[in-house]
């Protein structure tokens, strides 16, 4: 039998690099489980260790259409054998369905934008008639803000959904949602690890809706002068305070989610609307560097997983002792 380790379930190698570096820095034994495809024998017992699920709703954009479904199978197998799973089956369910997210958030007393779910082009247009002002459409299963479009009239939406540029959600469910007019072009993302806040991130939305913070998502401008850094869309707010922090922590605990980023936007009256729960959280290295906390996000995950591995296996790990001492 191999030594107990952390098993990371994912489908995107690029997003794993910062976490691998954090593991290496701590000497934490781990193994990648890239679950684009494969097979499991349900009669066999899984290895000992801690299993961290980082499956993404946007896996289909990288050609991994059924990775979340396969991950759900693997997680059911792991949980059947009482393995320690971080972000288990419920996290996958919420990751791949914004409808499920909103239902769970509202059940926990957390305000979300008014949203209608529609299947079929004519029903998407019909759903939009419920709004007097501007509205947005988005995919029920997406990620990174993909598929988000702003409309000011049902006529504009009708032309889009009946035209050649219409992009359907991979699960066939399109959301038509209240547009929140923020007085300033930014949203806030609150990052949690182990059920505790790490920090909040202010995200500039003036350039659009595709807001993946990872380095692998950035597209640099072709004609930027040599040596000039791209403008930072992400800025860290340390010691962030809001009544939402406690509500989010309680919501995540109730849904067995231990690592996540939760996003909200403020309207002109200061009312907060929560619109996304990302259980495959990434962190922006430029923002962390500028805030004087390089590697804080992935470091927090590595420390948390190291402590959990020590508890689950009874093996004394130096990194767990170091993390506990901080």
C-alpha atoms as a PDB file:
ATOM      1  CA  UNK A   1       0.000   0.000   0.000  1.00  0.00           C
ATOM      2  CA  UNK A   2       1.232   3.507  -0.806  1.00  0.00           C
ATOM      3  CA  UNK A   3       1.578   6.089   1.923  1.00  0.00           C
ATOM      4  CA  UNK A   4      -1.594   8.077   2.665  1.00  0.00           C
ATOM      5  CA  UNK A   5      -1.801  11.224   0.585  1.00  0.00           C
ATOM      6  CA  UNK A   6      -4.051  13.946  -0.727  1.00  0.00           C
ATOM      7  CA  UNK A   7      -5.812  13.016  -3.962  1.00  0.00           C
ATOM      8  CA  UNK A   8      -6.840  16.007  -6.061  1.00  0.00           C
ATOM      9  CA  UNK A   9      -9.804  15.409  -8.365  1.00  0.00           C
ATOM     10  CA  UNK A  10      -9.787  17.797 -11.345  1.00  0.00           C
ATOM     11  CA  UNK A  11      -9.794  18.110 -15.135  1.00  0.00           C
ATOM     12  CA  UNK A  12      -7.544  21.135 -15.769  1.00  0.00           C
ATOM     13  CA  UNK A  13      -3.785  20.756 -15.397  1.00  0.00           C
ATOM     14  CA  UNK A  14      -3.126  24.478 -15.854  1.00  0.00           C
ATOM     15  CA  UNK A  15      -5.217  25.339 -12.808  1.00  0.00           C
ATOM     16  CA  UNK A  16      -3.307  22.762 -10.752  1.00  0.00           C
ATOM     17  CA  UNK A  17       0.150  24.328 -11.083  1.00  0.00           C
ATOM     18  CA  UNK A  18      -0.137  26.805  -8.151  1.00  0.00           C
ATOM     19  CA  UNK A  19      -1.548  24.089  -5.899  1.00  0.00           C
ATOM     20  CA  UNK A  20       1.224  21.680  -6.853  1.00  0.00           C
ATOM     21  CA  UNK A  21       3.749  24.371  -5.934  1.00  0.00           C
ATOM     22  CA  UNK A  22       2.069  24.867  -2.535  1.00  0.00           C
ATOM     23  CA  UNK A  23       2.134  21.096  -1.916  1.00  0.00           C
ATOM     24  CA  UNK A  24       5.810  20.876  -2.882  1.00  0.00           C
ATOM     25  CA  UNK A  25       6.721  23.768  -0.599  1.00  0.00           C
ATOM     26  CA  UNK A  26       5.163  21.914   2.338  1.00  0.00           C
ATOM     27  CA  UNK A  27       6.331  18.449   1.409  1.00  0.00           C
ATOM     28  CA  UNK A  28       2.728  17.263   1.293  1.00  0.00           C
ATOM     29  CA  UNK A  29       2.298  13.887  -0.458  1.00  0.00           C
ATOM     30  CA  UNK A  30      -0.364  14.083  -3.154  1.00  0.00           C
ATOM     31  CA  UNK A  31      -1.581  12.511  -6.365  1.00  0.00           C
ATOM     32  CA  UNK A  32      -3.498  13.952  -9.308  1.00  0.00           C
ATOM     33  CA  UNK A  33      -6.740  12.296 -10.304  1.00  0.00           C
ATOM     34  CA  UNK A  34      -7.503  13.836 -13.689  1.00  0.00           C
ATOM     35  CA  UNK A  35     -11.075  12.666 -14.220  1.00  0.00           C
ATOM     36  CA  UNK A  36     -11.757  13.551 -17.820  1.00  0.00           C
ATOM     37  CA  UNK A  37     -12.455   9.873 -18.399  1.00  0.00           C
ATOM     38  CA  UNK A  38     -11.603   6.497 -16.891  1.00  0.00           C
ATOM     39  CA  UNK A  39     -13.210   3.690 -14.924  1.00  0.00           C
ATOM     40  CA  UNK A  40     -13.659   2.549 -11.334  1.00  0.00           C
ATOM     41  CA  UNK A  41     -14.381  -0.852  -9.859  1.00  0.00           C
ATOM     42  CA  UNK A  42     -17.161  -0.348  -7.323  1.00  0.00           C
ATOM     43  CA  UNK A  43     -16.216  -3.629  -5.624  1.00  0.00           C
ATOM     44  CA  UNK A  44     -12.745  -2.341  -4.718  1.00  0.00           C
ATOM     45  CA  UNK A  45     -11.937  -0.059  -1.804  1.00  0.00           C
ATOM     46  CA  UNK A  46     -10.371   3.351  -2.562  1.00  0.00           C
ATOM     47  CA  UNK A  47      -6.893   4.153  -1.241  1.00  0.00           C
ATOM     48  CA  UNK A  48      -6.505   5.782   2.156  1.00  0.00           C
ATOM     49  CA  UNK A  49      -6.135   9.543   2.244  1.00  0.00           C
ATOM     50  CA  UNK A  50      -7.996  12.809   1.780  1.00  0.00           C
ATOM     51  CA  UNK A  51      -9.787  13.509  -1.501  1.00  0.00           C
ATOM     52  CA  UNK A  52     -10.155  17.108  -2.654  1.00  0.00           C
ATOM     53  CA  UNK A  53     -12.652  17.746  -5.445  1.00  0.00           C
ATOM     54  CA  UNK A  54     -11.794  20.614  -7.822  1.00  0.00           C
ATOM     55  CA  UNK A  55     -14.084  19.650 -10.686  1.00  0.00           C
ATOM     56  CA  UNK A  56     -15.216  22.625 -12.739  1.00  0.00           C
ATOM     57  CA  UNK A  57     -18.531  23.524 -14.347  1.00  0.00           C
ATOM     58  CA  UNK A  58     -16.608  24.842 -17.364  1.00  0.00           C
ATOM     59  CA  UNK A  59     -14.954  21.468 -18.090  1.00  0.00           C
ATOM     60  CA  UNK A  60     -16.923  21.138 -21.334  1.00  0.00           C
ATOM     61  CA  UNK A  61     -15.135  24.205 -22.739  1.00  0.00           C
ATOM     62  CA  UNK A  62     -11.905  22.193 -22.570  1.00  0.00           C
ATOM     63  CA  UNK A  63     -13.392  19.132 -24.275  1.00  0.00           C
ATOM     64  CA  UNK A  64     -14.155  17.328 -20.987  1.00  0.00           C
ATOM     65  CA  UNK A  65     -17.909  17.137 -21.394  1.00  0.00           C
ATOM     66  CA  UNK A  66     -18.628  14.335 -18.936  1.00  0.00           C
ATOM     67  CA  UNK A  67     -15.953  15.028 -16.315  1.00  0.00           C
ATOM     68  CA  UNK A  68     -18.478  16.293 -13.702  1.00  0.00           C
ATOM     69  CA  UNK A  69     -20.703  13.252 -14.211  1.00  0.00           C
ATOM     70  CA  UNK A  70     -17.735  10.909 -13.848  1.00  0.00           C
ATOM     71  CA  UNK A  71     -16.595  12.838 -10.777  1.00  0.00           C
ATOM     72  CA  UNK A  72     -20.019  12.383  -9.186  1.00  0.00           C
ATOM     73  CA  UNK A  73     -19.625   8.615  -9.682  1.00  0.00           C
ATOM     74  CA  UNK A  74     -16.173   8.627  -8.088  1.00  0.00           C
ATOM     75  CA  UNK A  75     -17.365  10.727  -5.154  1.00  0.00           C
ATOM     76  CA  UNK A  76     -20.269   8.345  -4.521  1.00  0.00           C
ATOM     77  CA  UNK A  77     -17.741   5.496  -4.426  1.00  0.00           C
ATOM     78  CA  UNK A  78     -15.455   7.374  -2.032  1.00  0.00           C
ATOM     79  CA  UNK A  79     -18.271   8.393   0.283  1.00  0.00           C
ATOM     80  CA  UNK A  80     -19.611   4.817   0.302  1.00  0.00           C
ATOM     81  CA  UNK A  81     -16.251   3.804   1.790  1.00  0.00           C
ATOM     82  CA  UNK A  82     -16.237   6.675   4.317  1.00  0.00           C
ATOM     83  CA  UNK A  83     -13.213   8.388   2.832  1.00  0.00           C
ATOM     84  CA  UNK A  84     -12.545  11.988   3.836  1.00  0.00           C
ATOM     85  CA  UNK A  85     -13.810  14.067   0.928  1.00  0.00           C
ATOM     86  CA  UNK A  86     -13.441  17.849   0.697  1.00  0.00           C
ATOM     87  CA  UNK A  87     -16.193  19.328  -1.507  1.00  0.00           C
ATOM     88  CA  UNK A  88     -18.144  16.166  -2.100  1.00  0.00           C
ATOM     89  CA  UNK A  89     -21.222  15.239  -4.102  1.00  0.00           C
ATOM     90  CA  UNK A  90     -23.259  18.261  -3.013  1.00  0.00           C
ATOM     91  CA  UNK A  91     -20.487  20.583  -4.191  1.00  0.00           C
ATOM     92  CA  UNK A  92     -20.639  19.015  -7.661  1.00  0.00           C
ATOM     93  CA  UNK A  93     -24.406  19.407  -7.720  1.00  0.00           C
ATOM     94  CA  UNK A  94     -24.167  23.120  -6.951  1.00  0.00           C
ATOM     95  CA  UNK A  95     -21.127  23.665  -9.194  1.00  0.00           C
ATOM     96  CA  UNK A  96     -22.926  22.485 -12.329  1.00  0.00           C
ATOM     97  CA  UNK A  97     -26.319  24.138 -11.719  1.00  0.00           C
ATOM     98  CA  UNK A  98     -26.909  27.787 -10.943  1.00  0.00           C
ATOM     99  CA  UNK A  99     -30.579  26.980 -10.395  1.00  0.00           C
ATOM    100  CA  UNK A 100     -29.522  24.613  -7.596  1.00  0.00           C
ATOM    101  CA  UNK A 101     -27.211  27.321  -6.240  1.00  0.00           C
ATOM    102  CA  UNK A 102     -29.914  29.962  -6.123  1.00  0.00           C
ATOM    103  CA  UNK A 103     -32.441  27.606  -4.538  1.00  0.00           C
ATOM    104  CA  UNK A 104     -29.936  26.684  -1.826  1.00  0.00           C
ATOM    105  CA  UNK A 105     -28.892  30.300  -1.219  1.00  0.00           C
ATOM    106  CA  UNK A 106     -32.482  31.524  -0.974  1.00  0.00           C
ATOM    107  CA  UNK A 107     -33.336  28.666   1.386  1.00  0.00           C
ATOM    108  CA  UNK A 108     -30.569  30.010   3.611  1.00  0.00           C
ATOM    109  CA  UNK A 109     -31.947  33.557   3.563  1.00  0.00           C
ATOM    110  CA  UNK A 110     -29.385  34.909   1.085  1.00  0.00           C
ATOM    111  CA  UNK A 111     -30.806  37.227  -1.596  1.00  0.00           C
ATOM    112  CA  UNK A 112     -30.219  36.301  -5.249  1.00  0.00           C
ATOM    113  CA  UNK A 113     -31.272  38.159  -8.419  1.00  0.00           C
ATOM    114  CA  UNK A 114     -34.716  37.315  -9.763  1.00  0.00           C
ATOM    115  CA  UNK A 115     -34.139  34.467 -12.204  1.00  0.00           C
ATOM    116  CA  UNK A 116     -36.225  32.463 -14.667  1.00  0.00           C
ATOM    117  CA  UNK A 117     -34.973  29.167 -16.096  1.00  0.00           C
ATOM    118  CA  UNK A 118     -35.964  28.281 -19.646  1.00  0.00           C
ATOM    119  CA  UNK A 119     -35.463  25.432 -22.099  1.00  0.00           C
ATOM    120  CA  UNK A 120     -36.123  26.190 -25.752  1.00  0.00           C
ATOM    121  CA  UNK A 121     -35.616  29.428 -27.665  1.00  0.00           C
ATOM    122  CA  UNK A 122     -39.224  30.571 -27.619  1.00  0.00           C
ATOM    123  CA  UNK A 123     -39.380  30.005 -23.874  1.00  0.00           C
ATOM    124  CA  UNK A 124     -36.214  32.029 -23.311  1.00  0.00           C
ATOM    125  CA  UNK A 125     -37.874  34.981 -25.036  1.00  0.00           C
ATOM    126  CA  UNK A 126     -41.115  34.430 -23.117  1.00  0.00           C
ATOM    127  CA  UNK A 127     -39.219  34.372 -19.811  1.00  0.00           C
ATOM    128  CA  UNK A 128     -37.643  37.734 -20.645  1.00  0.00           C
ATOM    129  CA  UNK A 129     -41.073  39.357 -20.839  1.00  0.00           C
ATOM    130  CA  UNK A 130     -41.173  39.166 -17.030  1.00  0.00           C
ATOM    131  CA  UNK A 131     -38.652  42.047 -16.868  1.00  0.00           C
ATOM    132  CA  UNK A 132     -39.502  45.703 -17.451  1.00  0.00           C
ATOM    133  CA  UNK A 133     -35.887  46.865 -17.611  1.00  0.00           C
ATOM    134  CA  UNK A 134     -32.571  45.395 -18.731  1.00  0.00           C
ATOM    135  CA  UNK A 135     -31.826  41.734 -18.041  1.00  0.00           C
ATOM    136  CA  UNK A 136     -29.038  39.277 -18.647  1.00  0.00           C
ATOM    137  CA  UNK A 137     -28.927  35.717 -19.920  1.00  0.00           C
ATOM    138  CA  UNK A 138     -26.472  33.117 -18.684  1.00  0.00           C
ATOM    139  CA  UNK A 139     -25.961  29.400 -18.856  1.00  0.00           C
ATOM    140  CA  UNK A 140     -27.197  27.243 -16.013  1.00  0.00           C
ATOM    141  CA  UNK A 141     -23.982  25.226 -16.310  1.00  0.00           C
ATOM    142  CA  UNK A 142     -21.120  27.469 -17.246  1.00  0.00           C
ATOM    143  CA  UNK A 143     -18.179  28.904 -15.309  1.00  0.00           C
ATOM    144  CA  UNK A 144     -15.931  31.955 -15.757  1.00  0.00           C
ATOM    145  CA  UNK A 145     -18.925  34.091 -16.731  1.00  0.00           C
ATOM    146  CA  UNK A 146     -19.148  32.355 -20.096  1.00  0.00           C
ATOM    147  CA  UNK A 147     -22.343  32.932 -22.027  1.00  0.00           C
ATOM    148  CA  UNK A 148     -23.398  36.028 -20.067  1.00  0.00           C
ATOM    149  CA  UNK A 149     -25.087  38.673 -22.235  1.00  0.00           C
ATOM    150  CA  UNK A 150     -26.863  41.915 -21.373  1.00  0.00           C
ATOM    151  CA  UNK A 151     -30.085  42.911 -23.139  1.00  0.00           C
ATOM    152  CA  UNK A 152     -32.210  46.027 -22.964  1.00  0.00           C
ATOM    153  CA  UNK A 153     -35.238  44.626 -24.766  1.00  0.00           C
ATOM    154  CA  UNK A 154     -36.905  41.353 -25.617  1.00  0.00           C
ATOM    155  CA  UNK A 155     -36.525  42.303 -29.275  1.00  0.00           C
ATOM    156  CA  UNK A 156     -32.755  42.238 -28.938  1.00  0.00           C
ATOM    157  CA  UNK A 157     -32.917  38.894 -27.163  1.00  0.00           C
ATOM    158  CA  UNK A 158     -35.260  37.422 -29.774  1.00  0.00           C
ATOM    159  CA  UNK A 159     -32.882  38.424 -32.564  1.00  0.00           C
ATOM    160  CA  UNK A 160     -30.027  36.791 -30.679  1.00  0.00           C
ATOM    161  CA  UNK A 161     -31.666  33.475 -29.785  1.00  0.00           C
ATOM    162  CA  UNK A 162     -33.016  33.057 -33.331  1.00  0.00           C
ATOM    163  CA  UNK A 163     -29.748  34.067 -34.943  1.00  0.00           C
ATOM    164  CA  UNK A 164     -26.549  32.186 -35.794  1.00  0.00           C
ATOM    165  CA  UNK A 165     -24.622  33.446 -32.742  1.00  0.00           C
ATOM    166  CA  UNK A 166     -26.915  31.883 -30.154  1.00  0.00           C
ATOM    167  CA  UNK A 167     -24.944  29.787 -27.694  1.00  0.00           C
ATOM    168  CA  UNK A 168     -27.020  27.285 -25.759  1.00  0.00           C
ATOM    169  CA  UNK A 169     -26.041  26.025 -22.320  1.00  0.00           C
ATOM    170  CA  UNK A 170     -24.429  22.596 -22.359  1.00  0.00           C
ATOM    171  CA  UNK A 171     -27.327  21.299 -20.240  1.00  0.00           C
ATOM    172  CA  UNK A 172     -29.945  23.088 -22.370  1.00  0.00           C
ATOM    173  CA  UNK A 173     -31.054  25.414 -19.547  1.00  0.00           C
ATOM    174  CA  UNK A 174     -30.728  29.167 -20.095  1.00  0.00           C
ATOM    175  CA  UNK A 175     -31.264  31.591 -17.241  1.00  0.00           C
ATOM    176  CA  UNK A 176     -32.903  34.963 -17.767  1.00  0.00           C
ATOM    177  CA  UNK A 177     -31.949  37.144 -14.842  1.00  0.00           C
ATOM    178  CA  UNK A 178     -32.555  40.545 -13.332  1.00  0.00           C
ATOM    179  CA  UNK A 179     -29.757  42.948 -14.231  1.00  0.00           C
ATOM    180  CA  UNK A 180     -28.264  44.561 -11.134  1.00  0.00           C
ATOM    181  CA  UNK A 181     -27.136  48.100 -11.976  1.00  0.00           C
ATOM    182  CA  UNK A 182     -24.143  48.663  -9.723  1.00  0.00           C
ATOM    183  CA  UNK A 183     -23.080  52.282  -9.026  1.00  0.00           C
ATOM    184  CA  UNK A 184     -19.468  51.211  -9.633  1.00  0.00           C
ATOM    185  CA  UNK A 185     -18.267  48.518 -12.071  1.00  0.00           C
ATOM    186  CA  UNK A 186     -17.101  45.849  -9.657  1.00  0.00           C
ATOM    187  CA  UNK A 187     -18.236  42.722  -7.858  1.00  0.00           C
ATOM    188  CA  UNK A 188     -16.881  41.136  -4.687  1.00  0.00           C
ATOM    189  CA  UNK A 189     -15.800  37.549  -4.304  1.00  0.00           C
ATOM    190  CA  UNK A 190     -15.387  36.139  -0.792  1.00  0.00           C
ATOM    191  CA  UNK A 191     -12.934  33.234  -0.548  1.00  0.00           C
ATOM    192  CA  UNK A 192     -13.356  30.465   2.016  1.00  0.00           C
ATOM    193  CA  UNK A 193     -11.039  27.582   2.913  1.00  0.00           C
ATOM    194  CA  UNK A 194     -11.963  25.094   5.601  1.00  0.00           C
ATOM    195  CA  UNK A 195     -15.163  27.038   6.147  1.00  0.00           C
ATOM    196  CA  UNK A 196     -13.270  30.207   7.119  1.00  0.00           C
ATOM    197  CA  UNK A 197     -12.746  33.388   5.137  1.00  0.00           C
ATOM    198  CA  UNK A 198      -9.283  33.813   3.631  1.00  0.00           C
ATOM    199  CA  UNK A 199      -9.902  37.236   2.083  1.00  0.00           C
ATOM    200  CA  UNK A 200     -12.252  39.019  -0.293  1.00  0.00           C
ATOM    201  CA  UNK A 201     -11.439  40.102  -3.833  1.00  0.00           C
ATOM    202  CA  UNK A 202     -12.775  43.176  -5.575  1.00  0.00           C
ATOM    203  CA  UNK A 203     -13.143  42.364  -9.272  1.00  0.00           C
ATOM    204  CA  UNK A 204     -13.310  45.078 -11.930  1.00  0.00           C
ATOM    205  CA  UNK A 205     -16.149  44.229 -14.339  1.00  0.00           C
ATOM    206  CA  UNK A 206     -15.665  47.123 -16.737  1.00  0.00           C
ATOM    207  CA  UNK A 207     -14.044  44.831 -19.334  1.00  0.00           C
ATOM    208  CA  UNK A 208     -16.812  42.239 -19.374  1.00  0.00           C
ATOM    209  CA  UNK A 209     -18.178  39.162 -17.652  1.00  0.00           C
ATOM    210  CA  UNK A 210     -15.468  36.525 -18.172  1.00  0.00           C
ATOM    211  CA  UNK A 211     -13.891  36.778 -14.738  1.00  0.00           C
ATOM    212  CA  UNK A 212     -11.697  33.719 -14.234  1.00  0.00           C
ATOM    213  CA  UNK A 213      -8.893  34.820 -11.875  1.00  0.00           C
ATOM    214  CA  UNK A 214      -6.366  32.142 -12.829  1.00  0.00           C
ATOM    215  CA  UNK A 215      -3.262  33.011 -14.849  1.00  0.00           C
ATOM    216  CA  UNK A 216      -4.295  30.355 -17.365  1.00  0.00           C
ATOM    217  CA  UNK A 217      -7.412  32.382 -18.240  1.00  0.00           C
ATOM    218  CA  UNK A 218      -5.650  35.675 -19.003  1.00  0.00           C
ATOM    219  CA  UNK A 219      -5.311  36.841 -22.594  1.00  0.00           C
ATOM    220  CA  UNK A 220      -2.646  39.532 -22.818  1.00  0.00           C
ATOM    221  CA  UNK A 221      -2.964  42.444 -25.223  1.00  0.00           C
ATOM    222  CA  UNK A 222      -0.861  42.004 -28.332  1.00  0.00           C
ATOM    223  CA  UNK A 223       0.573  45.511 -28.465  1.00  0.00           C
ATOM    224  CA  UNK A 224       1.357  46.155 -24.803  1.00  0.00           C
ATOM    225  CA  UNK A 225       4.785  47.848 -24.410  1.00  0.00           C
ATOM    226  CA  UNK A 226       7.538  45.476 -23.324  1.00  0.00           C
ATOM    227  CA  UNK A 227       7.790  45.153 -19.557  1.00  0.00           C
ATOM    228  CA  UNK A 228       4.451  46.849 -18.855  1.00  0.00           C
ATOM    229  CA  UNK A 229       2.116  44.851 -16.621  1.00  0.00           C
ATOM    230  CA  UNK A 230      -1.514  44.430 -17.685  1.00  0.00           C
ATOM    231  CA  UNK A 231      -3.969  46.367 -15.522  1.00  0.00           C
ATOM    232  CA  UNK A 232      -5.092  44.433 -12.466  1.00  0.00           C
ATOM    233  CA  UNK A 233      -8.740  43.447 -12.598  1.00  0.00           C
ATOM    234  CA  UNK A 234      -8.445  41.794  -9.178  1.00  0.00           C
ATOM    235  CA  UNK A 235      -7.568  43.527  -5.908  1.00  0.00           C
ATOM    236  CA  UNK A 236      -7.564  41.851  -2.509  1.00  0.00           C
ATOM    237  CA  UNK A 237      -9.529  43.244   0.417  1.00  0.00           C
ATOM    238  CA  UNK A 238      -7.922  41.821   3.543  1.00  0.00           C
ATOM    239  CA  UNK A 239      -9.860  41.864   6.826  1.00  0.00           C
ATOM    240  CA  UNK A 240     -13.092  42.111   4.826  1.00  0.00           C
ATOM    241  CA  UNK A 241     -16.119  42.693   7.032  1.00  0.00           C
ATOM    242  CA  UNK A 242     -19.755  42.182   6.085  1.00  0.00           C
ATOM    243  CA  UNK A 243     -22.812  40.440   7.560  1.00  0.00           C
ATOM    244  CA  UNK A 244     -22.614  38.243   4.457  1.00  0.00           C
ATOM    245  CA  UNK A 245     -19.438  36.542   5.701  1.00  0.00           C
ATOM    246  CA  UNK A 246     -21.246  34.744   8.516  1.00  0.00           C
ATOM    247  CA  UNK A 247     -24.198  33.900   6.290  1.00  0.00           C
ATOM    248  CA  UNK A 248     -21.928  32.485   3.601  1.00  0.00           C
ATOM    249  CA  UNK A 249     -19.961  30.424   6.113  1.00  0.00           C
ATOM    250  CA  UNK A 250     -23.211  28.978   7.494  1.00  0.00           C
ATOM    251  CA  UNK A 251     -24.535  28.289   3.973  1.00  0.00           C
ATOM    252  CA  UNK A 252     -21.340  26.496   2.933  1.00  0.00           C
ATOM    253  CA  UNK A 253     -21.297  24.378   6.087  1.00  0.00           C
ATOM    254  CA  UNK A 254     -24.937  23.388   5.567  1.00  0.00           C
ATOM    255  CA  UNK A 255     -24.047  22.175   2.061  1.00  0.00           C
ATOM    256  CA  UNK A 256     -20.814  20.359   3.022  1.00  0.00           C
ATOM    257  CA  UNK A 257     -18.673  22.776   1.004  1.00  0.00           C
ATOM    258  CA  UNK A 258     -15.320  23.634   2.558  1.00  0.00           C
ATOM    259  CA  UNK A 259     -13.471  25.454  -0.227  1.00  0.00           C
ATOM    260  CA  UNK A 260     -15.349  28.010  -2.323  1.00  0.00           C
ATOM    261  CA  UNK A 261     -15.572  31.543  -3.598  1.00  0.00           C
ATOM    262  CA  UNK A 262     -18.948  33.279  -3.277  1.00  0.00           C
ATOM    263  CA  UNK A 263     -19.686  36.339  -5.427  1.00  0.00           C
ATOM    264  CA  UNK A 264     -22.055  39.220  -4.832  1.00  0.00           C
ATOM    265  CA  UNK A 265     -22.850  42.632  -6.312  1.00  0.00           C
ATOM    266  CA  UNK A 266     -24.270  45.767  -4.681  1.00  0.00           C
ATOM    267  CA  UNK A 267     -27.056  47.774  -6.306  1.00  0.00           C
ATOM    268  CA  UNK A 268     -27.463  51.560  -6.130  1.00  0.00           C
ATOM    269  CA  UNK A 269     -29.191  51.252  -2.728  1.00  0.00           C
ATOM    270  CA  UNK A 270     -26.414  49.119  -1.263  1.00  0.00           C
ATOM    271  CA  UNK A 271     -28.447  45.898  -1.342  1.00  0.00           C
ATOM    272  CA  UNK A 272     -26.323  42.796  -1.944  1.00  0.00           C
ATOM    273  CA  UNK A 273     -27.286  40.138  -4.489  1.00  0.00           C
ATOM    274  CA  UNK A 274     -25.397  36.851  -4.438  1.00  0.00           C
ATOM    275  CA  UNK A 275     -25.190  35.268  -7.869  1.00  0.00           C
ATOM    276  CA  UNK A 276     -22.420  32.649  -7.936  1.00  0.00           C
ATOM    277  CA  UNK A 277     -20.876  29.937  -5.761  1.00  0.00           C
ATOM    278  CA  UNK A 278     -17.633  28.611  -7.252  1.00  0.00           C
ATOM    279  CA  UNK A 279     -16.464  25.390  -5.612  1.00  0.00           C
ATOM    280  CA  UNK A 280     -13.413  25.127  -7.886  1.00  0.00           C
ATOM    281  CA  UNK A 281     -11.837  28.316  -6.650  1.00  0.00           C
ATOM    282  CA  UNK A 282      -8.735  29.857  -8.207  1.00  0.00           C
ATOM    283  CA  UNK A 283      -6.699  32.809  -6.987  1.00  0.00           C
ATOM    284  CA  UNK A 284      -5.048  35.663  -8.832  1.00  0.00           C
ATOM    285  CA  UNK A 285      -1.273  35.649  -8.246  1.00  0.00           C
ATOM    286  CA  UNK A 286      -0.798  39.277  -9.318  1.00  0.00           C
ATOM    287  CA  UNK A 287      -3.392  40.469  -6.802  1.00  0.00           C
ATOM    288  CA  UNK A 288      -1.838  38.392  -4.027  1.00  0.00           C
ATOM    289  CA  UNK A 289       1.624  39.706  -4.876  1.00  0.00           C
ATOM    290  CA  UNK A 290       0.437  43.309  -4.855  1.00  0.00           C
ATOM    291  CA  UNK A 291      -1.279  42.753  -1.495  1.00  0.00           C
ATOM    292  CA  UNK A 292       1.918  41.390   0.023  1.00  0.00           C
ATOM    293  CA  UNK A 293       0.536  37.888   0.454  1.00  0.00           C
ATOM    294  CA  UNK A 294       1.975  35.773  -2.389  1.00  0.00           C
ATOM    295  CA  UNK A 295       0.506  32.299  -2.534  1.00  0.00           C
ATOM    296  CA  UNK A 296      -1.972  32.967   0.273  1.00  0.00           C
ATOM    297  CA  UNK A 297      -4.965  31.274  -1.359  1.00  0.00           C
ATOM    298  CA  UNK A 298      -3.404  28.023  -2.523  1.00  0.00           C
ATOM    299  CA  UNK A 299      -1.246  28.009   0.594  1.00  0.00           C
ATOM    300  CA  UNK A 300      -4.380  28.091   2.731  1.00  0.00           C
ATOM    301  CA  UNK A 301      -5.799  25.118   0.806  1.00  0.00           C
ATOM    302  CA  UNK A 302      -2.532  23.157   1.140  1.00  0.00           C
ATOM    303  CA  UNK A 303      -2.359  23.855   4.886  1.00  0.00           C
ATOM    304  CA  UNK A 304      -5.990  22.832   5.343  1.00  0.00           C
ATOM    305  CA  UNK A 305      -5.557  19.595   3.385  1.00  0.00           C
ATOM    306  CA  UNK A 306      -2.374  18.786   5.291  1.00  0.00           C
ATOM    307  CA  UNK A 307      -4.170  19.120   8.621  1.00  0.00           C
ATOM    308  CA  UNK A 308      -7.068  16.999   7.339  1.00  0.00           C
ATOM    309  CA  UNK A 309      -4.698  14.285   6.102  1.00  0.00           C
ATOM    310  CA  UNK A 310      -3.009  14.133   9.504  1.00  0.00           C
ATOM    311  CA  UNK A 311      -6.391  13.801  11.230  1.00  0.00           C
ATOM    312  CA  UNK A 312      -7.802  11.258   8.773  1.00  0.00           C
ATOM    313  CA  UNK A 313      -4.769   8.955   8.806  1.00  0.00           C
ATOM    314  CA  UNK A 314      -3.237   9.557  12.230  1.00  0.00           C
ATOM    315  CA  UNK A 315       0.099  10.221  10.534  1.00  0.00           C
ATOM    316  CA  UNK A 316       2.164  13.075  11.986  1.00  0.00           C
ATOM    317  CA  UNK A 317       2.958  15.494   9.157  1.00  0.00           C
ATOM    318  CA  UNK A 318       5.392  18.400   9.641  1.00  0.00           C
ATOM    319  CA  UNK A 319       3.270  20.658   7.439  1.00  0.00           C
ATOM    320  CA  UNK A 320       0.218  20.034   9.640  1.00  0.00           C
ATOM    321  CA  UNK A 321       2.173  20.992  12.744  1.00  0.00           C
ATOM    322  CA  UNK A 322       3.491  24.123  11.034  1.00  0.00           C
ATOM    323  CA  UNK A 323       0.004  25.146   9.868  1.00  0.00           C
ATOM    324  CA  UNK A 324      -1.474  24.596  13.315  1.00  0.00           C
ATOM    325  CA  UNK A 325       1.202  26.791  14.866  1.00  0.00           C
ATOM    326  CA  UNK A 326       0.323  29.792  12.652  1.00  0.00           C
END
